[in-house]
Amino acid sequence: MSVLKPFRGRRPFSMATACEKTGKSSRQIRRLAAEPREEYEARGVSRNEPWEKQGISRATWYRRRKDGVA
């Protein structure tokens, strides 16, 4: 069986369908389809800390981002 690729958003199939096709339990399917933590954290905004590059606080950066300024 090939390892399921991680996906973001809605699954392209139901959990029951994945279980039937692979012969694995739902817990095993979730584990196989999970994105590794390192990859998840690598694409996070907080990891880059863009507010420090701009010389402003984190709260101010998020507030400006919400308002569409940053």
PDB file of N, CA and C in Angstrom:
ATOM      1  N   MET A   1       0.838  -1.191   0.000  1.00  0.00           N
ATOM      2  CA  MET A   1       0.000   0.000   0.000  1.00  0.00           C
ATOM      3  C   MET A   1       0.876   1.245   0.000  1.00  0.00           C
ATOM      4  N   SER A   2       0.534   2.200  -0.817  1.00  0.00           N
ATOM      5  CA  SER A   2       1.280   3.448  -0.819  1.00  0.00           C
ATOM      6  C   SER A   2       0.773   4.351   0.296  1.00  0.00           C
ATOM      7  N   VAL A   3       1.665   5.179   0.776  1.00  0.00           N
ATOM      8  CA  VAL A   3       1.302   6.107   1.848  1.00  0.00           C
ATOM      9  C   VAL A   3       0.439   7.219   1.266  1.00  0.00           C
ATOM     10  N   LEU A   4      -0.654   7.529   1.926  1.00  0.00           N
ATOM     11  CA  LEU A   4      -1.531   8.599   1.478  1.00  0.00           C
ATOM     12  C   LEU A   4      -0.824   9.935   1.615  1.00  0.00           C
ATOM     13  N   LYS A   5      -1.041  10.810   0.663  1.00  0.00           N
ATOM     14  CA  LYS A   5      -0.415  12.131   0.703  1.00  0.00           C
ATOM     15  C   LYS A   5      -1.208  13.047   1.620  1.00  0.00           C
ATOM     16  N   PRO A   6      -0.505  13.912   2.367  1.00  0.00           N
ATOM     17  CA  PRO A   6      -1.220  14.879   3.216  1.00  0.00           C
ATOM     18  C   PRO A   6      -2.057  15.816   2.353  1.00  0.00           C
ATOM     19  N   PHE A   7      -3.166  16.261   2.887  1.00  0.00           N
ATOM     20  CA  PHE A   7      -4.013  17.189   2.169  1.00  0.00           C
ATOM     21  C   PHE A   7      -4.494  18.266   3.122  1.00  0.00           C
ATOM     22  N   ARG A   8      -4.740  19.417   2.547  1.00  0.00           N
ATOM     23  CA  ARG A   8      -5.264  20.529   3.337  1.00  0.00           C
ATOM     24  C   ARG A   8      -6.701  20.749   2.905  1.00  0.00           C
ATOM     25  N   GLY A   9      -7.531  21.083   3.873  1.00  0.00           N
ATOM     26  CA  GLY A   9      -8.933  21.321   3.550  1.00  0.00           C
ATOM     27  C   GLY A   9      -9.734  20.041   3.544  1.00  0.00           C
ATOM     28  N   ARG A  10     -10.727  20.005   2.711  1.00  0.00           N
ATOM     29  CA  ARG A  10     -11.648  18.872   2.679  1.00  0.00           C
ATOM     30  C   ARG A  10     -11.013  17.653   2.007  1.00  0.00           C
ATOM     31  N   ARG A  11     -11.274  16.483   2.585  1.00  0.00           N
ATOM     32  CA  ARG A  11     -10.770  15.242   2.005  1.00  0.00           C
ATOM     33  C   ARG A  11     -11.471  14.978   0.680  1.00  0.00           C
ATOM     34  N   PRO A  12     -10.753  14.431  -0.304  1.00  0.00           N
ATOM     35  CA  PRO A  12     -11.388  14.117  -1.587  1.00  0.00           C
ATOM     36  C   PRO A  12     -12.207  12.835  -1.542  1.00  0.00           C
ATOM     37  N   PHE A  13     -12.262  12.175  -0.391  1.00  0.00           N
ATOM     38  CA  PHE A  13     -12.997  10.930  -0.233  1.00  0.00           C
ATOM     39  C   PHE A  13     -13.402  10.791   1.216  1.00  0.00           C
ATOM     40  N   SER A  14     -14.350   9.900   1.486  1.00  0.00           N
ATOM     41  CA  SER A  14     -14.791   9.718   2.863  1.00  0.00           C
ATOM     42  C   SER A  14     -13.832   8.786   3.593  1.00  0.00           C
ATOM     43  N   MET A  15     -13.842   8.846   4.894  1.00  0.00           N
ATOM     44  CA  MET A  15     -13.003   7.981   5.701  1.00  0.00           C
ATOM     45  C   MET A  15     -13.386   6.519   5.485  1.00  0.00           C
ATOM     46  N   ALA A  16     -14.693   6.268   5.367  1.00  0.00           N
ATOM     47  CA  ALA A  16     -15.159   4.896   5.140  1.00  0.00           C
ATOM     48  C   ALA A  16     -14.628   4.346   3.821  1.00  0.00           C
ATOM     49  N   THR A  17     -14.620   5.177   2.786  1.00  0.00           N
ATOM     50  CA  THR A  17     -14.107   4.759   1.485  1.00  0.00           C
ATOM     51  C   THR A  17     -12.618   4.456   1.567  1.00  0.00           C
ATOM     52  N   ALA A  18     -11.869   5.293   2.246  1.00  0.00           N
ATOM     53  CA  ALA A  18     -10.430   5.076   2.405  1.00  0.00           C
ATOM     54  C   ALA A  18     -10.161   3.784   3.161  1.00  0.00           C
ATOM     55  N   CYS A  19     -10.955   3.513   4.178  1.00  0.00           N
ATOM     56  CA  CYS A  19     -10.790   2.284   4.959  1.00  0.00           C
ATOM     57  C   CYS A  19     -11.077   1.058   4.109  1.00  0.00           C
ATOM     58  N   GLU A  20     -12.128   1.133   3.310  1.00  0.00           N
ATOM     59  CA  GLU A  20     -12.482   0.003   2.451  1.00  0.00           C
ATOM     60  C   GLU A  20     -11.413  -0.261   1.399  1.00  0.00           C
ATOM     61  N   LYS A  21     -10.915   0.803   0.771  1.00  0.00           N
ATOM     62  CA  LYS A  21      -9.928   0.653  -0.302  1.00  0.00           C
ATOM     63  C   LYS A  21      -8.584   0.142   0.197  1.00  0.00           C
ATOM     64  N   THR A  22      -8.196   0.559   1.393  1.00  0.00           N
ATOM     65  CA  THR A  22      -6.870   0.202   1.897  1.00  0.00           C
ATOM     66  C   THR A  22      -6.884  -0.978   2.853  1.00  0.00           C
ATOM     67  N   GLY A  23      -8.034  -1.267   3.431  1.00  0.00           N
ATOM     68  CA  GLY A  23      -8.102  -2.339   4.414  1.00  0.00           C
ATOM     69  C   GLY A  23      -7.511  -1.956   5.759  1.00  0.00           C
ATOM     70  N   LYS A  24      -7.413  -0.652   6.006  1.00  0.00           N
ATOM     71  CA  LYS A  24      -6.847  -0.133   7.252  1.00  0.00           C
ATOM     72  C   LYS A  24      -7.945   0.506   8.093  1.00  0.00           C
ATOM     73  N   SER A  25      -7.672   0.674   9.373  1.00  0.00           N
ATOM     74  CA  SER A  25      -8.631   1.327  10.258  1.00  0.00           C
ATOM     75  C   SER A  25      -8.575   2.842  10.056  1.00  0.00           C
ATOM     76  N   SER A  26      -9.586   3.539  10.560  1.00  0.00           N
ATOM     77  CA  SER A  26      -9.610   5.003  10.407  1.00  0.00           C
ATOM     78  C   SER A  26      -8.436   5.647  11.129  1.00  0.00           C
ATOM     79  N   ARG A  27      -8.030   5.081  12.240  1.00  0.00           N
ATOM     80  CA  ARG A  27      -6.868   5.618  12.963  1.00  0.00           C
ATOM     81  C   ARG A  27      -5.598   5.491  12.124  1.00  0.00           C
ATOM     82  N   GLN A  28      -5.436   4.368  11.456  1.00  0.00           N
ATOM     83  CA  GLN A  28      -4.266   4.167  10.604  1.00  0.00           C
ATOM     84  C   GLN A  28      -4.298   5.104   9.400  1.00  0.00           C
ATOM     85  N   ILE A  29      -5.478   5.312   8.843  1.00  0.00           N
ATOM     86  CA  ILE A  29      -5.617   6.225   7.704  1.00  0.00           C
ATOM     87  C   ILE A  29      -5.235   7.642   8.108  1.00  0.00           C
ATOM     88  N   ARG A  30      -5.739   8.097   9.256  1.00  0.00           N
ATOM     89  CA  ARG A  30      -5.395   9.450   9.724  1.00  0.00           C
ATOM     90  C   ARG A  30      -3.893   9.584   9.937  1.00  0.00           C
ATOM     91  N   ARG A  31      -3.279   8.562  10.495  1.00  0.00           N
ATOM     92  CA  ARG A  31      -1.841   8.601  10.753  1.00  0.00           C
ATOM     93  C   ARG A  31      -1.055   8.650   9.442  1.00  0.00           C
ATOM     94  N   LEU A  32      -1.490   7.890   8.443  1.00  0.00           N
ATOM     95  CA  LEU A  32      -0.800   7.867   7.154  1.00  0.00           C
ATOM     96  C   LEU A  32      -0.973   9.170   6.385  1.00  0.00           C
ATOM     97  N   ALA A  33      -2.125   9.804   6.509  1.00  0.00           N
ATOM     98  CA  ALA A  33      -2.415  11.024   5.756  1.00  0.00           C
ATOM     99  C   ALA A  33      -1.960  12.287   6.477  1.00  0.00           C
ATOM    100  N   ALA A  34      -1.467  12.157   7.693  1.00  0.00           N
ATOM    101  CA  ALA A  34      -1.086  13.338   8.477  1.00  0.00           C
ATOM    102  C   ALA A  34       0.168  14.000   7.903  1.00  0.00           C
ATOM    103  N   GLU A  35       0.184  15.318   7.957  1.00  0.00           N
ATOM    104  CA  GLU A  35       1.354  16.081   7.541  1.00  0.00           C
ATOM    105  C   GLU A  35       2.362  16.080   8.679  1.00  0.00           C
ATOM    106  N   PRO A  36       3.630  15.805   8.400  1.00  0.00           N
ATOM    107  CA  PRO A  36       4.632  15.818   9.468  1.00  0.00           C
ATOM    108  C   PRO A  36       4.707  17.190  10.146  1.00  0.00           C
ATOM    109  N   ARG A  37       4.926  17.186  11.447  1.00  0.00           N
ATOM    110  CA  ARG A  37       4.943  18.419  12.225  1.00  0.00           C
ATOM    111  C   ARG A  37       5.966  19.426  11.698  1.00  0.00           C
ATOM    112  N   GLU A  38       7.131  18.948  11.296  1.00  0.00           N
ATOM    113  CA  GLU A  38       8.180  19.849  10.792  1.00  0.00           C
ATOM    114  C   GLU A  38       7.704  20.609   9.562  1.00  0.00           C
ATOM    115  N   GLU A  39       7.003  19.927   8.659  1.00  0.00           N
ATOM    116  CA  GLU A  39       6.490  20.580   7.457  1.00  0.00           C
ATOM    117  C   GLU A  39       5.376  21.562   7.804  1.00  0.00           C
ATOM    118  N   TYR A  40       4.510  21.182   8.735  1.00  0.00           N
ATOM    119  CA  TYR A  40       3.418  22.056   9.156  1.00  0.00           C
ATOM    120  C   TYR A  40       3.962  23.348   9.764  1.00  0.00           C
ATOM    121  N   GLU A  41       4.934  23.213  10.654  1.00  0.00           N
ATOM    122  CA  GLU A  41       5.493  24.392  11.313  1.00  0.00           C
ATOM    123  C   GLU A  41       6.346  25.227  10.366  1.00  0.00           C
ATOM    124  N   ALA A  42       6.963  24.594   9.372  1.00  0.00           N
ATOM    125  CA  ALA A  42       7.835  25.319   8.447  1.00  0.00           C
ATOM    126  C   ALA A  42       7.074  26.351   7.626  1.00  0.00           C
ATOM    127  N   ARG A  43       5.811  26.081   7.325  1.00  0.00           N
ATOM    128  CA  ARG A  43       5.056  27.045   6.512  1.00  0.00           C
ATOM    129  C   ARG A  43       4.239  28.018   7.349  1.00  0.00           C
ATOM    130  N   GLY A  44       4.427  27.983   8.647  1.00  0.00           N
ATOM    131  CA  GLY A  44       3.701  28.891   9.527  1.00  0.00           C
ATOM    132  C   GLY A  44       4.272  30.300   9.509  1.00  0.00           C
ATOM    133  N   VAL A  45       3.417  31.279   9.654  1.00  0.00           N
ATOM    134  CA  VAL A  45       3.842  32.686   9.650  1.00  0.00           C
ATOM    135  C   VAL A  45       4.703  32.995  10.868  1.00  0.00           C
ATOM    136  N   SER A  46       4.338  32.451  12.014  1.00  0.00           N
ATOM    137  CA  SER A  46       5.063  32.762  13.242  1.00  0.00           C
ATOM    138  C   SER A  46       6.506  32.290  13.187  1.00  0.00           C
ATOM    139  N   ARG A  47       6.766  31.274  12.411  1.00  0.00           N
ATOM    140  CA  ARG A  47       8.125  30.738  12.304  1.00  0.00           C
ATOM    141  C   ARG A  47       9.091  31.778  11.739  1.00  0.00           C
ATOM    142  N   ASN A  48       8.632  32.572  10.799  1.00  0.00           N
ATOM    143  CA  ASN A  48       9.479  33.577  10.149  1.00  0.00           C
ATOM    144  C   ASN A  48       9.598  34.866  10.955  1.00  0.00           C
ATOM    145  N   GLU A  49       8.671  35.091  11.852  1.00  0.00           N
ATOM    146  CA  GLU A  49       8.618  36.295  12.684  1.00  0.00           C
ATOM    147  C   GLU A  49       8.782  37.587  11.867  1.00  0.00           C
ATOM    148  N   PRO A  50       7.877  37.842  10.923  1.00  0.00           N
ATOM    149  CA  PRO A  50       7.993  39.032  10.074  1.00  0.00           C
ATOM    150  C   PRO A  50       7.852  40.341  10.840  1.00  0.00           C
ATOM    151  N   TRP A  51       7.215  40.314  12.005  1.00  0.00           N
ATOM    152  CA  TRP A  51       7.062  41.535  12.794  1.00  0.00           C
ATOM    153  C   TRP A  51       8.407  42.055  13.281  1.00  0.00           C
ATOM    154  N   GLU A  52       9.360  41.176  13.555  1.00  0.00           N
ATOM    155  CA  GLU A  52      10.685  41.624  13.993  1.00  0.00           C
ATOM    156  C   GLU A  52      11.427  42.321  12.853  1.00  0.00           C
ATOM    157  N   LYS A  53      11.241  41.841  11.636  1.00  0.00           N
ATOM    158  CA  LYS A  53      11.871  42.469  10.475  1.00  0.00           C
ATOM    159  C   LYS A  53      11.330  43.874  10.250  1.00  0.00           C
ATOM    160  N   GLN A  54      10.058  44.089  10.624  1.00  0.00           N
ATOM    161  CA  GLN A  54       9.437  45.397  10.457  1.00  0.00           C
ATOM    162  C   GLN A  54       9.621  46.287  11.692  1.00  0.00           C
ATOM    163  N   GLY A  55      10.151  45.710  12.751  1.00  0.00           N
ATOM    164  CA  GLY A  55      10.387  46.484  13.962  1.00  0.00           C
ATOM    165  C   GLY A  55       9.130  46.829  14.729  1.00  0.00           C
ATOM    166  N   ILE A  56       8.112  45.961  14.667  1.00  0.00           N
ATOM    167  CA  ILE A  56       6.870  46.198  15.391  1.00  0.00           C
ATOM    168  C   ILE A  56       6.552  44.977  16.245  1.00  0.00           C
ATOM    169  N   SER A  57       5.601  45.126  17.155  1.00  0.00           N
ATOM    170  CA  SER A  57       5.218  43.997  18.010  1.00  0.00           C
ATOM    171  C   SER A  57       4.395  42.984  17.218  1.00  0.00           C
ATOM    172  N   ARG A  58       4.335  41.791  17.747  1.00  0.00           N
ATOM    173  CA  ARG A  58       3.567  40.731  17.106  1.00  0.00           C
ATOM    174  C   ARG A  58       2.090  41.098  17.036  1.00  0.00           C
ATOM    175  N   ALA A  59       1.558  41.631  18.130  1.00  0.00           N
ATOM    176  CA  ALA A  59       0.148  42.009  18.161  1.00  0.00           C
ATOM    177  C   ALA A  59      -0.165  43.074  17.109  1.00  0.00           C
ATOM    178  N   THR A  60       0.724  44.053  16.980  1.00  0.00           N
ATOM    179  CA  THR A  60       0.529  45.107  15.986  1.00  0.00           C
ATOM    180  C   THR A  60       0.585  44.530  14.582  1.00  0.00           C
ATOM    181  N   TRP A  61       1.496  43.608  14.326  1.00  0.00           N
ATOM    182  CA  TRP A  61       1.631  42.993  13.013  1.00  0.00           C
ATOM    183  C   TRP A  61       0.348  42.261  12.631  1.00  0.00           C
ATOM    184  N   TYR A  62      -0.187  41.462  13.574  1.00  0.00           N
ATOM    185  CA  TYR A  62      -1.419  40.726  13.290  1.00  0.00           C
ATOM    186  C   TYR A  62      -2.601  41.676  13.112  1.00  0.00           C
ATOM    187  N   ARG A  63      -2.650  42.733  13.909  1.00  0.00           N
ATOM    188  CA  ARG A  63      -3.740  43.692  13.785  1.00  0.00           C
ATOM    189  C   ARG A  63      -3.684  44.376  12.421  1.00  0.00           C
ATOM    190  N   ARG A  64      -2.505  44.795  11.983  1.00  0.00           N
ATOM    191  CA  ARG A  64      -2.370  45.430  10.669  1.00  0.00           C
ATOM    192  C   ARG A  64      -2.678  44.452   9.542  1.00  0.00           C
ATOM    193  N   ARG A  65      -2.302  43.210   9.746  1.00  0.00           N
ATOM    194  CA  ARG A  65      -2.572  42.192   8.736  1.00  0.00           C
ATOM    195  C   ARG A  65      -4.079  41.990   8.598  1.00  0.00           C
ATOM    196  N   LYS A  66      -4.778  41.977   9.734  1.00  0.00           N
ATOM    197  CA  LYS A  66      -6.233  41.823   9.718  1.00  0.00           C
ATOM    198  C   LYS A  66      -6.897  42.994   8.993  1.00  0.00           C
ATOM    199  N   ASP A  67      -6.347  44.195   9.193  1.00  0.00           N
ATOM    200  CA  ASP A  67      -6.892  45.388   8.569  1.00  0.00           C
ATOM    201  C   ASP A  67      -6.442  45.554   7.125  1.00  0.00           C
ATOM    202  N   GLY A  68      -5.494  44.705   6.671  1.00  0.00           N
ATOM    203  CA  GLY A  68      -5.019  44.772   5.296  1.00  0.00           C
ATOM    204  C   GLY A  68      -3.896  45.761   5.078  1.00  0.00           C
ATOM    205  N   VAL A  69      -3.239  46.208   6.146  1.00  0.00           N
ATOM    206  CA  VAL A  69      -2.175  47.195   6.013  1.00  0.00           C
ATOM    207  C   VAL A  69      -0.822  46.521   5.816  1.00  0.00           C
ATOM    208  N   ALA A  70      -0.552  45.441   6.567  1.00  0.00           N
ATOM    209  CA  ALA A  70       0.754  44.796   6.524  1.00  0.00           C
ATOM    210  C   ALA A  70       0.870  43.841   5.371  1.00  0.00           C
TER     211      ALA A  70
END
